[in-house]
Amino acid sequence: MVRLLRGLLGALLWIVASLVGLLGVVACVTLILLPVGIPLLMLARRLFGKSLRLFMPSAIANPVKETRSRGQKRRKAAGKLGKKARRKMTDKTPSVDLDAKGAKKKTRKFLARQRKRVG
């Protein structure tokens, strides 16, 4: 539906651009209206460009805008993937119940080894 409307609007704009271009050519032929004819021809050229862009798909007409929106979608998907991975990891890791004695013992052993290494 949107593509059909874009095509219709492009066709209408193309017709208007051709009429403005014809008017510009006629104005340029008469030397008195030359200052009016040149801007009309430039306007017709811009209108032709816009009408052709309306005929094209959005990925071809606006490649930067299209890649930006695709990048945003992929960034969101990557964020969701990361969240899922973190949830899976927290679900799989067993809950660690450290008792105070075991932690103290490990710390003492570690510090003793460090002292031997240094001194």
N, C-alpha and C. Protein backbone atom coordinates (compact mmCIF):
# COMPACT_ATOMS: atom_id res chain seq x y z
N MET A 1 0.82 -1.19 0.00
CA MET A 1 0.00 0.00 0.00
C MET A 1 0.87 1.26 0.00
N VAL A 2 1.86 1.28 0.88
CA VAL A 2 2.73 2.45 0.97
C VAL A 2 3.54 2.59 -0.32
N ARG A 3 3.97 1.46 -0.84
CA ARG A 3 4.76 1.49 -2.07
C ARG A 3 3.95 2.04 -3.24
N LEU A 4 2.67 1.69 -3.28
CA LEU A 4 1.78 2.19 -4.33
C LEU A 4 1.60 3.70 -4.21
N LEU A 5 1.42 4.18 -2.98
CA LEU A 5 1.27 5.62 -2.77
C LEU A 5 2.54 6.38 -3.12
N ARG A 6 3.69 5.79 -2.76
CA ARG A 6 4.96 6.43 -3.12
C ARG A 6 5.11 6.51 -4.64
N GLY A 7 4.73 5.45 -5.33
CA GLY A 7 4.81 5.44 -6.78
C GLY A 7 3.89 6.47 -7.41
N LEU A 8 2.68 6.57 -6.88
CA LEU A 8 1.72 7.55 -7.39
C LEU A 8 2.21 8.97 -7.16
N LEU A 9 2.73 9.23 -5.96
CA LEU A 9 3.25 10.55 -5.65
C LEU A 9 4.47 10.86 -6.52
N GLY A 10 5.30 9.87 -6.77
CA GLY A 10 6.45 10.05 -7.64
C GLY A 10 6.04 10.40 -9.06
N ALA A 11 5.00 9.72 -9.54
CA ALA A 11 4.52 10.00 -10.90
C ALA A 11 3.96 11.42 -11.00
N LEU A 12 3.19 11.82 -10.00
CA LEU A 12 2.63 13.19 -10.02
C LEU A 12 3.76 14.23 -9.94
N LEU A 13 4.73 13.98 -9.11
CA LEU A 13 5.85 14.92 -8.98
C LEU A 13 6.66 14.97 -10.27
N TRP A 14 6.78 13.84 -10.96
CA TRP A 14 7.49 13.80 -12.22
C TRP A 14 6.76 14.65 -13.28
N ILE A 15 5.43 14.56 -13.29
CA ILE A 15 4.64 15.36 -14.24
C ILE A 15 4.79 16.85 -13.93
N VAL A 16 4.73 17.20 -12.65
CA VAL A 16 4.88 18.61 -12.25
C VAL A 16 6.28 19.11 -12.62
N ALA A 17 7.29 18.26 -12.41
CA ALA A 17 8.66 18.66 -12.75
C ALA A 17 8.81 18.87 -14.25
N SER A 18 8.18 18.04 -15.05
CA SER A 18 8.28 18.23 -16.50
C SER A 18 7.56 19.51 -16.94
N LEU A 19 6.45 19.82 -16.31
CA LEU A 19 5.76 21.07 -16.65
C LEU A 19 6.58 22.30 -16.23
N VAL A 20 7.19 22.24 -15.04
CA VAL A 20 8.03 23.35 -14.59
C VAL A 20 9.25 23.48 -15.50
N GLY A 21 9.81 22.35 -15.92
CA GLY A 21 10.95 22.38 -16.84
C GLY A 21 10.57 22.98 -18.19
N LEU A 22 9.41 22.62 -18.70
CA LEU A 22 8.94 23.17 -19.97
C LEU A 22 8.72 24.68 -19.85
N LEU A 23 8.16 25.10 -18.74
CA LEU A 23 7.94 26.52 -18.50
C LEU A 23 9.29 27.25 -18.40
N GLY A 24 10.27 26.60 -17.77
CA GLY A 24 11.61 27.19 -17.67
C GLY A 24 12.27 27.34 -19.02
N VAL A 25 12.12 26.34 -19.89
CA VAL A 25 12.71 26.41 -21.23
C VAL A 25 12.07 27.54 -22.03
N VAL A 26 10.75 27.65 -21.94
CA VAL A 26 10.04 28.72 -22.67
C VAL A 26 10.48 30.09 -22.14
N ALA A 27 10.66 30.19 -20.81
CA ALA A 27 11.09 31.46 -20.23
C ALA A 27 12.52 31.79 -20.64
N CYS A 28 13.36 30.77 -20.79
CA CYS A 28 14.75 31.01 -21.20
C CYS A 28 14.85 31.44 -22.66
N VAL A 29 13.92 30.98 -23.48
CA VAL A 29 13.93 31.35 -24.90
C VAL A 29 13.67 32.84 -25.04
N THR A 30 12.72 33.37 -24.28
CA THR A 30 12.49 34.82 -24.30
C THR A 30 13.55 35.46 -23.41
N LEU A 31 14.37 36.29 -23.99
CA LEU A 31 15.52 36.85 -23.29
C LEU A 31 15.12 37.71 -22.10
N ILE A 32 13.95 38.30 -22.13
CA ILE A 32 13.53 39.16 -21.03
C ILE A 32 13.27 38.31 -19.77
N LEU A 33 12.74 37.08 -19.93
CA LEU A 33 12.43 36.22 -18.80
C LEU A 33 13.55 35.24 -18.45
N LEU A 34 14.75 35.47 -18.97
CA LEU A 34 15.87 34.58 -18.70
C LEU A 34 16.19 34.47 -17.20
N PRO A 35 16.16 35.57 -16.42
CA PRO A 35 16.42 35.43 -14.98
C PRO A 35 15.36 34.59 -14.25
N VAL A 36 14.19 34.45 -14.81
CA VAL A 36 13.15 33.61 -14.22
C VAL A 36 13.29 32.17 -14.70
N GLY A 37 13.72 31.99 -15.94
CA GLY A 37 13.79 30.66 -16.54
C GLY A 37 14.87 29.78 -15.94
N ILE A 38 16.03 30.36 -15.62
CA ILE A 38 17.13 29.55 -15.08
C ILE A 38 16.77 28.95 -13.72
N PRO A 39 16.23 29.73 -12.76
CA PRO A 39 15.82 29.11 -11.50
C PRO A 39 14.71 28.07 -11.67
N LEU A 40 13.83 28.28 -12.66
CA LEU A 40 12.77 27.29 -12.91
C LEU A 40 13.36 25.98 -13.40
N LEU A 41 14.40 26.05 -14.23
CA LEU A 41 15.05 24.83 -14.71
C LEU A 41 15.76 24.10 -13.56
N MET A 42 16.38 24.87 -12.65
CA MET A 42 17.04 24.24 -11.51
C MET A 42 16.01 23.57 -10.59
N LEU A 43 14.86 24.24 -10.41
CA LEU A 43 13.79 23.66 -9.60
C LEU A 43 13.26 22.38 -10.23
N ALA A 44 13.10 22.39 -11.56
CA ALA A 44 12.63 21.20 -12.27
C ALA A 44 13.60 20.04 -12.09
N ARG A 45 14.90 20.35 -12.14
CA ARG A 45 15.91 19.31 -11.96
C ARG A 45 15.80 18.67 -10.56
N ARG A 46 15.62 19.51 -9.52
CA ARG A 46 15.48 18.99 -8.16
C ARG A 46 14.20 18.16 -8.02
N LEU A 47 13.13 18.62 -8.65
CA LEU A 47 11.87 17.88 -8.57
C LEU A 47 11.98 16.51 -9.27
N PHE A 48 12.71 16.47 -10.39
CA PHE A 48 12.94 15.18 -11.05
C PHE A 48 13.69 14.22 -10.13
N GLY A 49 14.70 14.74 -9.46
CA GLY A 49 15.47 13.90 -8.54
C GLY A 49 14.60 13.36 -7.41
N LYS A 50 13.76 14.22 -6.84
CA LYS A 50 12.89 13.77 -5.75
C LYS A 50 11.86 12.75 -6.24
N SER A 51 11.34 12.96 -7.44
CA SER A 51 10.36 12.00 -7.97
C SER A 51 10.99 10.64 -8.21
N LEU A 52 12.21 10.62 -8.72
CA LEU A 52 12.89 9.34 -8.94
C LEU A 52 13.20 8.65 -7.62
N ARG A 53 13.56 9.42 -6.57
CA ARG A 53 13.81 8.83 -5.26
C ARG A 53 12.55 8.23 -4.67
N LEU A 54 11.40 8.80 -5.00
CA LEU A 54 10.14 8.23 -4.52
C LEU A 54 9.84 6.89 -5.19
N PHE A 55 10.30 6.73 -6.43
CA PHE A 55 10.08 5.45 -7.12
C PHE A 55 10.95 4.34 -6.55
N MET A 56 12.12 4.70 -6.03
CA MET A 56 13.07 3.69 -5.54
C MET A 56 12.67 3.17 -4.16
N PRO A 57 13.09 1.94 -3.82
CA PRO A 57 12.89 1.46 -2.45
C PRO A 57 13.71 2.29 -1.47
N SER A 58 13.29 2.29 -0.21
CA SER A 58 13.93 3.17 0.77
C SER A 58 15.40 2.81 1.00
N ALA A 59 15.76 1.53 0.84
CA ALA A 59 17.15 1.13 1.05
C ALA A 59 18.08 1.74 0.00
N ILE A 60 17.58 1.96 -1.19
CA ILE A 60 18.40 2.55 -2.25
C ILE A 60 18.33 4.08 -2.20
N ALA A 61 17.16 4.61 -1.88
CA ALA A 61 16.99 6.06 -1.85
C ALA A 61 17.73 6.70 -0.68
N ASN A 62 17.69 6.07 0.50
CA ASN A 62 18.37 6.60 1.69
C ASN A 62 19.23 5.52 2.33
N PRO A 63 20.40 5.22 1.75
CA PRO A 63 21.19 4.11 2.29
C PRO A 63 21.72 4.37 3.70
N VAL A 64 22.04 5.61 4.03
CA VAL A 64 22.58 5.90 5.36
C VAL A 64 21.50 5.71 6.41
N LYS A 65 20.32 6.21 6.13
CA LYS A 65 19.21 6.07 7.07
C LYS A 65 18.85 4.60 7.27
N GLU A 66 18.90 3.84 6.20
CA GLU A 66 18.56 2.42 6.27
C GLU A 66 19.57 1.65 7.10
N THR A 67 20.87 1.92 6.91
CA THR A 67 21.88 1.20 7.68
C THR A 67 21.82 1.60 9.14
N ARG A 68 21.48 2.86 9.42
CA ARG A 68 21.38 3.29 10.81
C ARG A 68 20.24 2.55 11.51
N SER A 69 19.10 2.42 10.84
CA SER A 69 17.97 1.72 11.48
C SER A 69 18.28 0.24 11.63
N ARG A 70 18.98 -0.35 10.65
CA ARG A 70 19.36 -1.76 10.77
C ARG A 70 20.34 -1.95 11.92
N GLY A 71 21.27 -1.01 12.06
CA GLY A 71 22.24 -1.08 13.15
C GLY A 71 21.58 -1.00 14.51
N GLN A 72 20.57 -0.13 14.62
CA GLN A 72 19.85 -0.01 15.88
C GLN A 72 19.12 -1.30 16.21
N LYS A 73 18.52 -1.91 15.20
CA LYS A 73 17.80 -3.17 15.43
C LYS A 73 18.77 -4.26 15.87
N ARG A 74 19.93 -4.33 15.23
CA ARG A 74 20.91 -5.36 15.58
C ARG A 74 21.49 -5.11 16.96
N ARG A 75 21.65 -3.82 17.33
CA ARG A 75 22.17 -3.51 18.66
C ARG A 75 21.19 -3.98 19.73
N LYS A 76 19.91 -3.75 19.49
CA LYS A 76 18.90 -4.21 20.45
C LYS A 76 18.90 -5.73 20.55
N ALA A 77 19.03 -6.40 19.40
CA ALA A 77 19.05 -7.86 19.40
C ALA A 77 20.28 -8.38 20.15
N ALA A 78 21.41 -7.71 19.99
CA ALA A 78 22.63 -8.14 20.69
C ALA A 78 22.47 -7.95 22.19
N GLY A 79 21.83 -6.86 22.59
CA GLY A 79 21.59 -6.61 24.01
C GLY A 79 20.70 -7.69 24.62
N LYS A 80 19.67 -8.07 23.88
CA LYS A 80 18.79 -9.14 24.36
C LYS A 80 19.54 -10.46 24.47
N LEU A 81 20.40 -10.73 23.49
CA LEU A 81 21.19 -11.96 23.51
C LEU A 81 22.10 -11.99 24.72
N GLY A 82 22.74 -10.84 25.02
CA GLY A 82 23.62 -10.75 26.18
C GLY A 82 22.86 -10.98 27.48
N LYS A 83 21.66 -10.40 27.57
CA LYS A 83 20.85 -10.60 28.78
C LYS A 83 20.50 -12.06 28.96
N LYS A 84 20.12 -12.70 27.86
CA LYS A 84 19.78 -14.13 27.95
C LYS A 84 20.98 -14.95 28.39
N ALA A 85 22.16 -14.63 27.85
CA ALA A 85 23.36 -15.38 28.21
C ALA A 85 23.69 -15.19 29.68
N ARG A 86 23.57 -13.95 30.18
CA ARG A 86 23.85 -13.70 31.59
C ARG A 86 22.87 -14.45 32.49
N ARG A 87 21.61 -14.48 32.09
CA ARG A 87 20.61 -15.20 32.89
C ARG A 87 20.91 -16.69 32.93
N LYS A 88 21.31 -17.23 31.78
CA LYS A 88 21.65 -18.66 31.74
C LYS A 88 22.84 -18.96 32.62
N MET A 89 23.83 -18.08 32.58
CA MET A 89 25.03 -18.30 33.40
C MET A 89 24.69 -18.23 34.88
N THR A 90 23.87 -17.29 35.29
CA THR A 90 23.53 -17.19 36.71
C THR A 90 22.66 -18.36 37.15
N ASP A 91 21.87 -18.89 36.24
CA ASP A 91 21.04 -20.04 36.59
C ASP A 91 21.88 -21.30 36.76
N LYS A 92 22.94 -21.44 35.95
CA LYS A 92 23.74 -22.66 35.98
C LYS A 92 24.79 -22.66 37.10
N THR A 93 25.23 -21.49 37.53
CA THR A 93 26.27 -21.47 38.56
C THR A 93 25.66 -21.83 39.90
N PRO A 94 26.28 -22.74 40.61
CA PRO A 94 25.73 -23.12 41.91
C PRO A 94 25.95 -22.00 42.92
N SER A 95 25.06 -21.92 43.87
CA SER A 95 25.21 -20.89 44.89
C SER A 95 26.35 -21.30 45.81
N VAL A 96 27.25 -20.41 46.06
CA VAL A 96 28.43 -20.70 46.85
C VAL A 96 28.18 -20.27 48.29
N ASP A 97 28.24 -21.22 49.21
CA ASP A 97 28.09 -20.91 50.63
C ASP A 97 29.47 -20.95 51.26
N LEU A 98 30.07 -19.80 51.41
CA LEU A 98 31.40 -19.74 52.01
C LEU A 98 31.24 -19.63 53.52
N ASP A 99 31.88 -20.52 54.18
CA ASP A 99 31.89 -20.38 55.63
C ASP A 99 33.10 -19.52 56.00
N ALA A 100 33.00 -18.85 57.09
CA ALA A 100 34.04 -17.90 57.50
C ALA A 100 35.37 -18.60 57.76
N LYS A 101 35.34 -19.82 58.35
CA LYS A 101 36.59 -20.53 58.66
C LYS A 101 37.34 -20.89 57.39
N GLY A 102 36.62 -21.40 56.37
CA GLY A 102 37.26 -21.81 55.13
C GLY A 102 37.90 -20.61 54.42
N ALA A 103 37.20 -19.48 54.43
CA ALA A 103 37.73 -18.29 53.79
C ALA A 103 38.97 -17.79 54.51
N LYS A 104 38.94 -17.82 55.84
CA LYS A 104 40.10 -17.36 56.63
C LYS A 104 41.31 -18.25 56.35
N LYS A 105 41.06 -19.56 56.29
CA LYS A 105 42.15 -20.51 56.07
C LYS A 105 42.78 -20.30 54.69
N LYS A 106 41.94 -20.11 53.69
CA LYS A 106 42.45 -19.90 52.34
C LYS A 106 43.26 -18.60 52.27
N THR A 107 42.77 -17.57 52.92
CA THR A 107 43.48 -16.29 52.92
C THR A 107 44.82 -16.42 53.61
N ARG A 108 44.88 -17.11 54.75
CA ARG A 108 46.13 -17.29 55.46
C ARG A 108 47.15 -18.04 54.60
N LYS A 109 46.71 -19.10 53.95
CA LYS A 109 47.60 -19.88 53.08
C LYS A 109 48.14 -19.02 51.94
N PHE A 110 47.24 -18.26 51.36
CA PHE A 110 47.63 -17.41 50.23
C PHE A 110 48.67 -16.38 50.68
N LEU A 111 48.41 -15.73 51.80
CA LEU A 111 49.35 -14.71 52.29
C LEU A 111 50.70 -15.33 52.68
N ALA A 112 50.67 -16.53 53.25
CA ALA A 112 51.92 -17.21 53.60
C ALA A 112 52.74 -17.49 52.35
N ARG A 113 52.09 -17.97 51.31
CA ARG A 113 52.80 -18.23 50.04
C ARG A 113 53.38 -16.95 49.46
N GLN A 114 52.62 -15.87 49.54
CA GLN A 114 53.10 -14.60 49.03
C GLN A 114 54.34 -14.11 49.81
N ARG A 115 54.31 -14.28 51.13
CA ARG A 115 55.45 -13.86 51.96
C ARG A 115 56.70 -14.67 51.59
N LYS A 116 56.53 -15.98 51.38
CA LYS A 116 57.66 -16.82 51.00
C LYS A 116 58.24 -16.38 49.66
N ARG A 117 57.37 -16.02 48.72
CA ARG A 117 57.82 -15.60 47.40
C ARG A 117 58.60 -14.31 47.47
N VAL A 118 58.13 -13.37 48.25
CA VAL A 118 58.77 -12.06 48.34
C VAL A 118 60.05 -12.12 49.15
N GLY A 119 60.02 -12.78 50.33
CA GLY A 119 61.15 -12.68 51.26
C GLY A 119 61.92 -13.90 51.40
